[in-house]
C-alpha atoms as a PDB file:
ATOM      1  CA  MET A   1      25.306  37.813 -14.168  1.00  0.00           C
ATOM      2  CA  ASN A   2      24.377  37.861 -10.502  1.00  0.00           C
ATOM      3  CA  ASN A   3      24.311  34.907  -8.087  1.00  0.00           C
ATOM      4  CA  LYS A   4      20.573  34.323  -8.532  1.00  0.00           C
ATOM      5  CA  GLU A   5      20.861  34.203 -12.322  1.00  0.00           C
ATOM      6  CA  LEU A   6      23.875  31.910 -12.103  1.00  0.00           C
ATOM      7  CA  THR A   7      22.032  29.576  -9.726  1.00  0.00           C
ATOM      8  CA  LEU A   8      18.988  29.465 -12.021  1.00  0.00           C
ATOM      9  CA  GLN A   9      21.225  28.703 -14.982  1.00  0.00           C
ATOM     10  CA  ALA A  10      22.929  25.918 -13.024  1.00  0.00           C
ATOM     11  CA  LEU A  11      19.559  24.437 -12.061  1.00  0.00           C
ATOM     12  CA  GLU A  12      18.474  24.436 -15.696  1.00  0.00           C
ATOM     13  CA  THR A  13      21.673  22.593 -16.598  1.00  0.00           C
ATOM     14  CA  VAL A  14      21.099  20.058 -13.813  1.00  0.00           C
ATOM     15  CA  ARG A  15      17.531  19.527 -15.024  1.00  0.00           C
ATOM     16  CA  GLY A  16      18.802  18.465 -18.417  1.00  0.00           C
ATOM     17  CA  ASP A  17      16.619  16.481 -20.799  1.00  0.00           C
ATOM     18  CA  ASP A  18      16.688  13.033 -19.209  1.00  0.00           C
ATOM     19  CA  LEU A  19      12.938  12.960 -18.578  1.00  0.00           C
ATOM     20  CA  HIS A  20      12.150  13.998 -22.142  1.00  0.00           C
ATOM     21  CA  ARG A  21      14.530  11.396 -23.580  1.00  0.00           C
ATOM     22  CA  ALA A  22      13.175   8.616 -21.334  1.00  0.00           C
ATOM     23  CA  ARG A  23       9.589   9.453 -22.265  1.00  0.00           C
ATOM     24  CA  ALA A  24      10.507   9.354 -25.945  1.00  0.00           C
ATOM     25  CA  ALA A  25      12.419   6.086 -25.573  1.00  0.00           C
ATOM     26  CA  PHE A  26       9.660   4.346 -23.623  1.00  0.00           C
ATOM     27  CA  ALA A  27       6.641   5.826 -25.437  1.00  0.00           C
ATOM     28  CA  HIS A  28       6.110   2.776 -27.628  1.00  0.00           C
ATOM     29  CA  LEU A  29       6.317   0.225 -24.796  1.00  0.00           C
ATOM     30  CA  SER A  30       3.325  -1.697 -23.477  1.00  0.00           C
ATOM     31  CA  ASP A  31       2.506  -1.785 -19.753  1.00  0.00           C
ATOM     32  CA  GLN A  32       4.084  -5.227 -19.578  1.00  0.00           C
ATOM     33  CA  GLN A  33       7.272  -3.994 -21.236  1.00  0.00           C
ATOM     34  CA  MET A  34       7.402  -0.973 -18.894  1.00  0.00           C
ATOM     35  CA  ASP A  35       7.626  -3.438 -15.996  1.00  0.00           C
ATOM     36  CA  GLN A  36      10.617  -5.286 -17.435  1.00  0.00           C
ATOM     37  CA  GLU A  37      14.195  -4.517 -16.466  1.00  0.00           C
ATOM     38  CA  TYR A  38      15.866  -2.071 -18.823  1.00  0.00           C
ATOM     39  CA  GLY A  39      19.191  -3.443 -20.021  1.00  0.00           C
ATOM     40  CA  VAL A  40      21.430  -4.196 -17.061  1.00  0.00           C
ATOM     41  CA  SER A  41      20.266  -1.183 -15.047  1.00  0.00           C
ATOM     42  CA  GLY A  42      18.557  -3.259 -12.380  1.00  0.00           C
ATOM     43  CA  LYS A  43      15.492  -1.056 -12.808  1.00  0.00           C
ATOM     44  CA  THR A  44      12.346  -1.322 -14.845  1.00  0.00           C
ATOM     45  CA  CYS A  45      11.493   1.276 -17.456  1.00  0.00           C
ATOM     46  CA  ARG A  46       8.711   2.453 -15.151  1.00  0.00           C
ATOM     47  CA  GLU A  47      11.171   2.906 -12.262  1.00  0.00           C
ATOM     48  CA  ILE A  48      13.615   4.792 -14.456  1.00  0.00           C
ATOM     49  CA  LEU A  49      10.865   7.114 -15.658  1.00  0.00           C
ATOM     50  CA  ALA A  50       9.624   7.670 -12.090  1.00  0.00           C
ATOM     51  CA  GLY A  51      13.152   8.554 -10.982  1.00  0.00           C
ATOM     52  CA  TYR A  52      13.490  11.163 -13.706  1.00  0.00           C
ATOM     53  CA  GLU A  53      10.048  12.556 -12.845  1.00  0.00           C
ATOM     54  CA  GLU A  54      11.068  12.887  -9.170  1.00  0.00           C
ATOM     55  CA  ARG A  55      14.290  14.634 -10.135  1.00  0.00           C
ATOM     56  CA  GLU A  56      12.423  16.982 -12.483  1.00  0.00           C
ATOM     57  CA  LYS A  57      10.026  17.920  -9.671  1.00  0.00           C
ATOM     58  CA  ALA A  58      12.886  18.503  -7.237  1.00  0.00           C
ATOM     59  CA  VAL A  59      14.642  20.798  -9.707  1.00  0.00           C
ATOM     60  CA  ARG A  60      11.384  22.678 -10.429  1.00  0.00           C
ATOM     61  CA  ASP A  61      10.857  23.138  -6.685  1.00  0.00           C
ATOM     62  CA  ALA A  62      14.431  24.361  -6.220  1.00  0.00           C
ATOM     63  CA  THR A  63      14.037  26.734  -9.155  1.00  0.00           C
ATOM     64  CA  ALA A  64      10.841  28.181  -7.680  1.00  0.00           C
ATOM     65  CA  TRP A  65      12.614  28.623  -4.344  1.00  0.00           C
ATOM     66  CA  VAL A  66      15.513  30.510  -5.947  1.00  0.00           C
ATOM     67  CA  GLU A  67      13.169  32.639  -8.054  1.00  0.00           C
ATOM     68  CA  ALA A  68      11.344  33.688  -4.875  1.00  0.00           C
ATOM     69  CA  LEU A  69      14.565  35.041  -3.321  1.00  0.00           C
END
């Protein structure tokens, strides 16, 4: 395994499945419920989902950058 392959594998690990799990967990919630704080996180469900979406995009961008090397 070369450095590029190792880096791509590491990025895939970092990506994880948080976005998928959050979407599944919040799929049944109404808009009003999405705007309520989730547990004791200090964030709403909508904010949590947005954070995972941002992270997913950042990892996709990093993966594309490494693939272009």
